[in-house]
Amino acid sequence: MARGLLLGQLRVQTVKHRDGRRSYTILQPCGSVHAAADRYLATYAGSGSDRPYAYLLVDHLRWLESEKLTPESVEFSDLERYMGAVGAKVAMPLGNPWRTGQRPYGNSALSSAASCLKGFYLHQAAAGANSGLAEMLNRRRMPTQADRDRALLGHLSRDLPANPLAPKRIRRRHPKMLPDNARATLGPAMNSARDRLVVDWLSDGGLRIGELCGLHLADLHLRENAGCAECRAPHLHVCHRDGLANQARAKTKHEWTLQDGVIRGGLIKRVSPAMIHSYFAYMMTEYPRDAAHGMLLVQLHGADRGLPWAPEGARKMIRRAGVRAGLGVIRPHAFRHSFATAVLDASDGNLVITRDAGGWASTEVVDEIYAHVDIHDPAFDLALRKAWGEHA
């Protein structure tokens, strides 16, 4: 890294390609590309990790600059200090204050940062720089938030033969859910048919906000026995597309095709009657007839009226509606948490059904995050009473 740079002036730059794709790089204060970071981020171009890794890496590079270090001179103990500075538990001084006024990373962000940093320095070593650090990264594991509880119990070990920057993840059994009756309460706070559609589709579809804002009208097969012949019931196809005008992008990358005007493949999700009803209410009253982009959600006001609606706009709408309804700040992903829990409960804990309904990659994720026992269940009550010695 060049010396004498203004602290904190490294920044992430979005690169728009002619074919509509977007990639990410890191620029130095002088405007030149940070060569080492650019080479590394290029390996993730087009994946779901490129943008978050760019922001995680730029934060680390800014820290290196504040500590007067470079990617070529940093040592394993320095990486431990950095992880401690952003939220991990480490038994060492952290040096100068870092990220003052910002919340520390949660365990998920720490795990992502650990993976990003390990990949970056292994990539550096492959190019002939700091090979000693790469050897350490293959032998030791970085501490993260997950180690806090283990440290209290005396279980923290510094010699764990795991990925040094990808620790065991602690999943939350009780994720952030919607408040009780949130959907019904939000209804009167919605200002348009489009906004009501968003609430219905997030609630009943379990969609991520990027998936919802990236939907095209062609992706929607809202009648039985649609032409794709992949699902008899009304459904939609979540298709990963790069270069959308509103920068929306589906997280998962299932293969999909457009043949004879019919979408096939992608992530297929069932559609509820309420979703179909709100779709037609929106299309009949607010959707612009001259919209040529073919996307489902559009801007309704201002100079950008009729253009594709960005995920950030949908997030702000839900946040404002939650405050108006007296529910506080609501985030779109809370709908997905509630959807998963509702399906899991309705299916008597069937992990496969819940996995496929929400589009998760494995039942393990569903089990670790959402699977839980009803504390009022008679079997649960009996087990506790036996543990308490009330029953033989």
Protein backbone atom coordinates (compact mmCIF):
# COMPACT_ATOMS: atom_id res chain seq x y z
CA MET A 1 0.00 0.00 0.00
CA ALA A 2 1.28 3.45 -0.81
CA ARG A 3 2.45 5.49 2.18
CA GLY A 4 1.32 8.98 3.06
CA LEU A 5 -2.33 8.42 2.17
CA LEU A 6 -5.06 10.29 3.97
CA LEU A 7 -6.51 7.99 6.61
CA GLY A 8 -9.87 6.52 5.71
CA GLN A 9 -9.84 7.73 2.13
CA LEU A 10 -9.69 4.25 0.64
CA ARG A 11 -13.14 3.59 -0.81
CA VAL A 12 -15.16 0.97 -2.62
CA GLN A 13 -15.91 1.73 -6.25
CA THR A 14 -18.69 0.08 -8.26
CA VAL A 15 -17.60 -0.83 -11.80
CA LYS A 16 -20.36 -0.98 -14.40
CA HIS A 17 -19.59 -3.19 -17.39
CA ARG A 18 -21.00 -2.82 -20.88
CA ASP A 19 -22.96 -6.05 -20.60
CA GLY A 20 -24.76 -4.73 -17.52
CA ARG A 21 -22.72 -6.58 -14.93
CA ARG A 22 -21.40 -4.85 -11.82
CA SER A 23 -18.18 -5.59 -10.03
CA TYR A 24 -16.39 -3.91 -7.15
CA THR A 25 -12.88 -2.68 -6.54
CA ILE A 26 -11.08 -0.45 -4.04
CA LEU A 27 -9.62 2.93 -4.93
CA GLN A 28 -6.82 4.81 -3.20
CA PRO A 29 -7.06 8.54 -2.42
CA CYS A 30 -5.23 9.42 -5.62
CA GLY A 31 -7.91 7.62 -7.61
CA SER A 32 -5.76 4.66 -8.62
CA VAL A 33 -6.89 1.08 -8.07
CA HIS A 34 -5.56 -0.77 -5.04
CA ALA A 35 -3.87 -3.51 -7.06
CA ALA A 36 -3.78 -6.28 -4.44
CA ALA A 37 -7.40 -5.76 -3.42
CA ASP A 38 -8.54 -5.55 -7.04
CA ARG A 39 -6.89 -8.84 -7.96
CA TYR A 40 -8.50 -10.56 -5.01
CA LEU A 41 -11.99 -9.11 -5.51
CA ALA A 42 -11.85 -10.05 -9.20
CA THR A 43 -12.01 -13.70 -8.15
CA TYR A 44 -15.50 -13.04 -6.72
CA ALA A 45 -16.84 -10.94 -9.60
CA GLY A 46 -20.47 -11.79 -10.30
CA SER A 47 -20.94 -13.79 -7.10
CA GLY A 48 -23.05 -12.84 -4.14
CA SER A 49 -19.89 -12.20 -2.10
CA ASP A 50 -18.25 -9.52 -4.24
CA ARG A 51 -19.95 -6.46 -2.75
CA PRO A 52 -19.83 -7.44 0.97
CA TYR A 53 -16.23 -8.62 0.63
CA ALA A 54 -15.27 -5.27 -0.91
CA TYR A 55 -16.63 -3.36 2.08
CA LEU A 56 -15.15 -5.78 4.61
CA LEU A 57 -11.77 -5.58 2.92
CA VAL A 58 -11.72 -1.78 2.65
CA ASP A 59 -12.40 -1.56 6.39
CA HIS A 60 -9.42 -3.82 7.07
CA LEU A 61 -7.15 -1.88 4.70
CA ARG A 62 -8.09 1.37 6.44
CA TRP A 63 -7.13 -0.25 9.74
CA LEU A 64 -3.78 -1.33 8.31
CA GLU A 65 -3.18 2.26 7.28
CA SER A 66 -4.03 3.56 10.75
CA GLU A 67 -1.59 1.06 12.27
CA LYS A 68 1.12 1.93 9.72
CA LEU A 69 1.07 -1.61 8.37
CA THR A 70 0.83 -3.02 4.85
CA PRO A 71 -0.55 -6.32 3.50
CA GLU A 72 3.06 -7.39 3.02
CA SER A 73 4.15 -6.66 6.61
CA VAL A 74 1.10 -7.64 8.65
CA GLU A 75 1.46 -10.60 11.02
CA PHE A 76 -1.00 -13.06 12.51
CA SER A 77 -1.07 -11.20 15.83
CA ASP A 78 -2.00 -8.05 13.90
CA LEU A 79 -4.98 -9.85 12.39
CA GLU A 80 -6.00 -10.96 15.88
CA ARG A 81 -5.88 -7.34 17.00
CA TYR A 82 -7.97 -6.26 14.02
CA MET A 83 -10.63 -8.88 14.71
CA GLY A 84 -10.72 -7.66 18.29
CA ALA A 85 -11.09 -4.08 17.09
CA VAL A 86 -14.21 -4.94 15.11
CA GLY A 87 -15.89 -7.06 17.78
CA ALA A 88 -14.10 -10.33 18.52
CA LYS A 89 -12.84 -11.36 21.95
CA VAL A 90 -9.04 -11.29 22.10
CA ALA A 91 -6.68 -11.42 25.06
CA MET A 92 -4.43 -8.55 24.02
CA PRO A 93 -4.34 -4.76 23.78
CA LEU A 94 -6.11 -3.52 20.68
CA GLY A 95 -4.02 -0.41 20.12
CA ASN A 96 -5.59 2.85 18.99
CA PRO A 97 -9.41 3.15 19.01
CA TRP A 98 -10.91 1.99 15.74
CA ARG A 99 -14.32 2.55 14.17
CA THR A 100 -15.27 4.95 16.96
CA GLY A 101 -19.02 5.40 17.23
CA GLN A 102 -19.83 2.31 15.13
CA ARG A 103 -21.29 -0.88 16.49
CA PRO A 104 -18.98 -3.92 16.57
CA TYR A 105 -19.58 -6.67 14.05
CA GLY A 106 -22.02 -9.41 15.00
CA ASN A 107 -20.99 -13.04 14.75
CA SER A 108 -22.20 -13.40 11.18
CA ALA A 109 -20.26 -10.33 10.03
CA LEU A 110 -17.19 -11.50 11.95
CA SER A 111 -17.35 -14.86 10.20
CA SER A 112 -17.62 -13.14 6.82
CA ALA A 113 -14.71 -10.83 7.67
CA ALA A 114 -12.65 -13.84 8.76
CA SER A 115 -13.32 -15.64 5.46
CA CYS A 116 -12.57 -12.49 3.47
CA LEU A 117 -9.26 -11.84 5.22
CA LYS A 118 -8.07 -15.41 5.02
CA GLY A 119 -8.84 -15.49 1.32
CA PHE A 120 -7.12 -12.16 0.76
CA TYR A 121 -3.88 -13.15 2.47
CA LEU A 122 -3.78 -16.60 0.89
CA HIS A 123 -4.24 -14.86 -2.45
CA GLN A 124 -1.35 -12.57 -1.52
CA ALA A 125 0.82 -15.55 -0.63
CA ALA A 126 0.06 -17.20 -3.97
CA ALA A 127 1.49 -14.07 -5.59
CA GLY A 128 4.65 -14.36 -3.48
CA ALA A 129 3.85 -11.91 -0.66
CA ASN A 130 3.77 -12.71 3.07
CA SER A 131 3.90 -16.49 2.74
CA GLY A 132 4.66 -16.83 6.46
CA LEU A 133 1.28 -15.38 7.34
CA ALA A 134 -0.40 -17.84 4.99
CA GLU A 135 1.20 -20.72 6.87
CA MET A 136 -0.16 -19.38 10.15
CA LEU A 137 -3.62 -18.97 8.66
CA ASN A 138 -3.66 -22.64 7.76
CA ARG A 139 -2.75 -23.66 11.32
CA ARG A 140 -4.64 -21.31 13.63
CA ARG A 141 -8.13 -19.91 13.95
CA MET A 142 -9.05 -16.29 14.51
CA PRO A 143 -11.25 -15.50 17.54
CA THR A 144 -14.70 -14.07 16.97
CA GLN A 145 -17.88 -13.27 18.86
CA ALA A 146 -18.56 -17.00 19.11
CA ASP A 147 -15.62 -17.30 21.49
CA ARG A 148 -17.01 -14.91 24.08
CA ASP A 149 -19.20 -17.48 25.81
CA ARG A 150 -16.61 -20.24 25.52
CA ALA A 151 -14.02 -17.95 27.11
CA LEU A 152 -16.27 -17.40 30.12
CA LEU A 153 -16.53 -21.17 30.58
CA GLY A 154 -12.81 -21.73 30.16
CA HIS A 155 -13.22 -23.47 26.81
CA LEU A 156 -11.36 -21.00 24.60
CA SER A 157 -8.49 -22.69 22.82
CA ARG A 158 -5.90 -21.03 20.65
CA ASP A 159 -4.93 -24.18 18.78
CA LEU A 160 -8.00 -25.25 16.88
CA PRO A 161 -7.40 -27.08 13.59
CA ALA A 162 -10.18 -25.23 11.78
CA ASN A 163 -10.22 -22.57 9.09
CA PRO A 164 -8.39 -19.80 10.95
CA LEU A 165 -10.75 -17.11 9.68
CA ALA A 166 -13.98 -19.10 9.55
CA PRO A 167 -14.93 -19.99 13.12
CA LYS A 168 -17.84 -22.03 14.31
CA ARG A 169 -20.98 -20.01 13.92
CA ILE A 170 -23.43 -19.56 16.75
CA ARG A 171 -26.91 -19.58 15.26
CA ARG A 172 -29.73 -17.77 16.98
CA ARG A 173 -32.59 -20.08 17.89
CA HIS A 174 -34.85 -17.06 18.36
CA PRO A 175 -34.21 -14.73 15.42
CA LYS A 176 -35.71 -11.28 15.17
CA MET A 177 -39.36 -11.83 14.33
CA LEU A 178 -42.16 -9.51 13.35
CA PRO A 179 -44.22 -8.10 16.22
CA ASP A 180 -47.51 -9.89 16.91
CA ASN A 181 -50.21 -9.11 14.33
CA ALA A 182 -47.69 -7.00 12.40
CA ARG A 183 -49.15 -7.81 9.00
CA ALA A 184 -52.69 -6.75 9.97
CA THR A 185 -51.40 -3.68 11.77
CA LEU A 186 -49.26 -2.62 8.82
CA GLY A 187 -52.19 -2.79 6.40
CA PRO A 188 -53.76 0.60 7.26
CA ALA A 189 -50.28 2.20 7.26
CA MET A 190 -49.66 1.27 3.63
CA ASN A 191 -50.06 4.23 1.24
CA SER A 192 -50.39 2.33 -2.04
CA ALA A 193 -51.33 -0.97 -3.62
CA ARG A 194 -47.65 -1.50 -4.42
CA ASP A 195 -46.73 -1.19 -0.75
CA ARG A 196 -49.48 -3.62 0.24
CA LEU A 197 -48.14 -6.04 -2.37
CA VAL A 198 -44.69 -5.81 -0.79
CA VAL A 199 -46.04 -6.74 2.65
CA ASP A 200 -48.11 -9.63 1.27
CA TRP A 201 -45.28 -11.03 -0.84
CA LEU A 202 -42.69 -10.78 1.92
CA SER A 203 -45.12 -12.35 4.40
CA ASP A 204 -46.40 -15.26 2.30
CA GLY A 205 -43.46 -15.77 -0.05
CA GLY A 206 -40.55 -15.68 2.36
CA LEU A 207 -38.68 -13.62 -0.21
CA ARG A 208 -35.54 -11.67 0.44
CA ILE A 209 -35.92 -7.98 -0.44
CA GLY A 210 -33.35 -8.28 -3.24
CA GLU A 211 -35.30 -11.19 -4.73
CA LEU A 212 -38.59 -9.29 -4.59
CA CYS A 213 -37.22 -6.09 -6.14
CA GLY A 214 -35.47 -8.13 -8.85
CA LEU A 215 -38.62 -9.90 -10.06
CA HIS A 216 -39.75 -9.42 -13.66
CA LEU A 217 -43.32 -9.87 -14.81
CA ALA A 218 -42.13 -12.83 -16.89
CA ASP A 219 -41.01 -14.56 -13.68
CA LEU A 220 -44.58 -14.70 -12.38
CA HIS A 221 -46.66 -17.77 -13.26
CA LEU A 222 -49.77 -16.91 -11.27
CA ARG A 223 -52.16 -19.49 -12.70
CA GLU A 224 -52.34 -23.23 -12.40
CA ASN A 225 -50.54 -25.42 -14.94
CA ALA A 226 -48.36 -22.60 -16.27
CA GLY A 227 -46.36 -23.01 -19.45
CA CYS A 228 -43.10 -23.84 -17.69
CA ALA A 229 -44.61 -27.18 -16.55
CA GLU A 230 -42.40 -27.10 -13.45
CA CYS A 231 -45.10 -26.49 -10.84
CA ARG A 232 -48.83 -27.11 -11.19
CA ALA A 233 -49.83 -24.48 -8.60
CA PRO A 234 -49.38 -20.70 -9.04
CA HIS A 235 -45.73 -19.86 -8.46
CA LEU A 236 -42.88 -17.55 -9.33
CA HIS A 237 -39.29 -18.02 -10.47
CA VAL A 238 -36.52 -16.19 -8.61
CA CYS A 239 -33.80 -15.64 -11.22
CA HIS A 240 -30.34 -14.28 -10.47
CA ARG A 241 -29.64 -11.40 -12.85
CA ASP A 242 -26.69 -9.03 -12.94
CA GLY A 243 -26.86 -5.43 -14.07
CA LEU A 244 -30.46 -4.58 -13.16
CA ALA A 245 -31.23 -0.86 -13.24
CA ASN A 246 -32.28 -0.83 -9.57
CA GLN A 247 -29.22 -2.86 -8.48
CA ALA A 248 -31.43 -5.62 -7.06
CA ARG A 249 -29.97 -9.11 -7.17
CA ALA A 250 -31.10 -12.51 -5.96
CA LYS A 251 -28.69 -14.12 -3.53
CA THR A 252 -28.98 -17.65 -4.89
CA LYS A 253 -27.79 -18.49 -8.40
CA HIS A 254 -30.02 -21.27 -9.70
CA GLU A 255 -29.79 -21.94 -13.42
CA TRP A 256 -32.65 -20.47 -15.45
CA THR A 257 -33.58 -19.98 -19.09
CA LEU A 258 -36.03 -17.98 -21.18
CA GLN A 259 -37.47 -20.13 -23.97
CA ASP A 260 -40.31 -19.00 -26.23
CA GLY A 261 -41.11 -16.24 -23.77
CA VAL A 262 -41.42 -18.66 -20.82
CA ILE A 263 -39.11 -18.61 -17.81
CA ARG A 264 -37.90 -22.00 -16.64
CA GLY A 265 -35.63 -22.86 -13.74
CA GLY A 266 -34.44 -20.48 -11.08
CA LEU A 267 -35.70 -20.82 -7.52
CA ILE A 268 -39.40 -21.78 -7.71
CA LYS A 269 -41.60 -20.47 -4.91
CA ARG A 270 -45.31 -21.04 -4.39
CA VAL A 271 -47.66 -18.06 -4.44
CA SER A 272 -50.60 -17.59 -2.04
CA PRO A 273 -54.09 -16.32 -2.98
CA ALA A 274 -53.36 -13.12 -1.02
CA MET A 275 -50.24 -12.55 -3.13
CA ILE A 276 -52.24 -12.98 -6.34
CA HIS A 277 -54.96 -10.61 -5.10
CA SER A 278 -52.50 -7.85 -4.19
CA TYR A 279 -50.70 -8.35 -7.52
CA PHE A 280 -53.82 -7.69 -9.57
CA ALA A 281 -54.82 -4.75 -7.36
CA TYR A 282 -51.42 -3.19 -8.00
CA MET A 283 -51.31 -3.95 -11.72
CA MET A 284 -54.84 -2.64 -12.35
CA THR A 285 -54.43 0.63 -10.43
CA GLU A 286 -50.80 1.75 -10.29
CA TYR A 287 -48.52 -0.11 -12.70
CA PRO A 288 -47.56 2.20 -15.61
CA ARG A 289 -48.79 0.98 -18.97
CA ASP A 290 -45.72 2.32 -20.78
CA ALA A 291 -43.15 0.57 -18.57
CA ALA A 292 -40.73 -1.10 -20.97
CA HIS A 293 -38.34 -2.59 -18.42
CA GLY A 294 -40.70 -5.43 -17.49
CA MET A 295 -39.89 -5.38 -13.77
CA LEU A 296 -42.56 -5.87 -11.13
CA LEU A 297 -41.95 -3.05 -8.65
CA VAL A 298 -41.72 0.54 -9.87
CA GLN A 299 -41.28 4.02 -8.46
CA LEU A 300 -44.65 5.72 -8.02
CA HIS A 301 -43.60 9.32 -7.46
CA GLY A 302 -41.02 11.93 -8.42
CA ALA A 303 -38.72 12.28 -11.39
CA ASP A 304 -38.06 8.53 -11.44
CA ARG A 305 -41.73 7.59 -11.62
CA GLY A 306 -42.18 4.37 -13.55
CA LEU A 307 -38.56 3.25 -13.19
CA PRO A 308 -37.64 0.04 -11.32
CA TRP A 309 -37.85 0.41 -7.53
CA ALA A 310 -34.60 -0.14 -5.64
CA PRO A 311 -34.37 -2.44 -2.58
CA GLU A 312 -33.30 0.52 -0.44
CA GLY A 313 -36.53 2.31 -1.34
CA ALA A 314 -38.54 -0.72 -0.23
CA ARG A 315 -36.59 -0.92 3.02
CA LYS A 316 -37.29 2.73 3.80
CA MET A 317 -40.98 2.31 2.98
CA ILE A 318 -41.31 -0.61 5.42
CA ARG A 319 -39.38 1.28 8.08
CA ARG A 320 -41.65 4.33 7.78
CA ALA A 321 -44.80 2.22 7.73
CA GLY A 322 -43.71 0.37 10.88
CA VAL A 323 -43.18 3.63 12.72
CA ARG A 324 -46.55 5.00 11.54
CA ALA A 325 -48.27 1.82 12.71
CA GLY A 326 -46.65 2.04 16.14
CA LEU A 327 -44.59 -1.11 15.62
CA GLY A 328 -41.19 0.57 15.65
CA VAL A 329 -38.53 -0.06 13.05
CA ILE A 330 -39.28 -3.12 10.91
CA ARG A 331 -36.77 -4.63 8.50
CA PRO A 332 -37.73 -6.71 5.46
CA HIS A 333 -35.81 -9.76 6.65
CA ALA A 334 -38.06 -10.01 9.71
CA PHE A 335 -40.80 -11.19 7.34
CA ARG A 336 -38.54 -14.04 6.20
CA HIS A 337 -37.83 -15.06 9.79
CA SER A 338 -41.53 -15.13 10.61
CA PHE A 339 -42.35 -17.00 7.39
CA ALA A 340 -39.80 -19.73 8.16
CA THR A 341 -41.04 -20.18 11.70
CA ALA A 342 -44.68 -20.31 10.57
CA VAL A 343 -43.94 -22.98 7.93
CA LEU A 344 -41.85 -24.98 10.39
CA ASP A 345 -44.66 -24.94 12.96
CA ALA A 346 -47.36 -25.72 10.38
CA SER A 347 -45.38 -28.69 9.02
CA ASP A 348 -44.76 -30.19 12.47
CA GLY A 349 -41.08 -29.37 12.24
CA ASN A 350 -40.46 -30.74 8.75
CA LEU A 351 -37.10 -29.27 7.83
CA VAL A 352 -37.26 -30.28 4.17
CA ILE A 353 -40.58 -28.51 3.61
CA THR A 354 -39.31 -25.38 5.34
CA ARG A 355 -36.04 -25.46 3.42
CA ASP A 356 -37.77 -25.66 0.05
CA ALA A 357 -40.47 -23.14 0.95
CA GLY A 358 -37.90 -20.50 1.84
CA GLY A 359 -35.21 -21.45 -0.64
CA TRP A 360 -32.47 -22.25 1.85
CA ALA A 361 -29.48 -24.25 0.68
CA SER A 362 -29.74 -26.93 3.36
CA THR A 363 -31.91 -28.19 6.18
CA GLU A 364 -28.98 -27.57 8.55
CA VAL A 365 -29.44 -23.81 8.26
CA VAL A 366 -33.17 -24.13 8.95
CA ASP A 367 -32.55 -26.44 11.89
CA GLU A 368 -29.89 -24.28 13.53
CA ILE A 369 -31.70 -20.97 13.13
CA TYR A 370 -35.41 -21.75 13.26
CA ALA A 371 -35.99 -25.17 14.79
CA HIS A 372 -37.18 -24.79 18.36
CA VAL A 373 -39.44 -26.45 20.86
CA ASP A 374 -42.72 -25.05 22.13
CA ILE A 375 -42.17 -24.42 25.85
CA HIS A 376 -45.87 -25.14 26.43
CA ASP A 377 -45.70 -28.53 24.73
CA PRO A 378 -46.68 -31.34 27.18
CA ALA A 379 -43.61 -33.37 26.23
CA PHE A 380 -41.40 -30.39 26.98
CA ASP A 381 -43.12 -29.86 30.32
CA LEU A 382 -42.74 -33.54 31.22
CA ALA A 383 -39.05 -33.56 30.33
CA LEU A 384 -38.38 -30.56 32.54
CA ARG A 385 -40.29 -32.01 35.45
CA LYS A 386 -38.28 -35.23 35.17
CA ALA A 387 -35.08 -33.19 35.14
CA TRP A 388 -36.31 -31.38 38.22
CA GLY A 389 -36.95 -34.71 39.94
CA GLU A 390 -40.74 -34.27 40.14
CA HIS A 391 -41.37 -37.50 38.16
CA ALA A 392 -39.53 -40.80 38.30
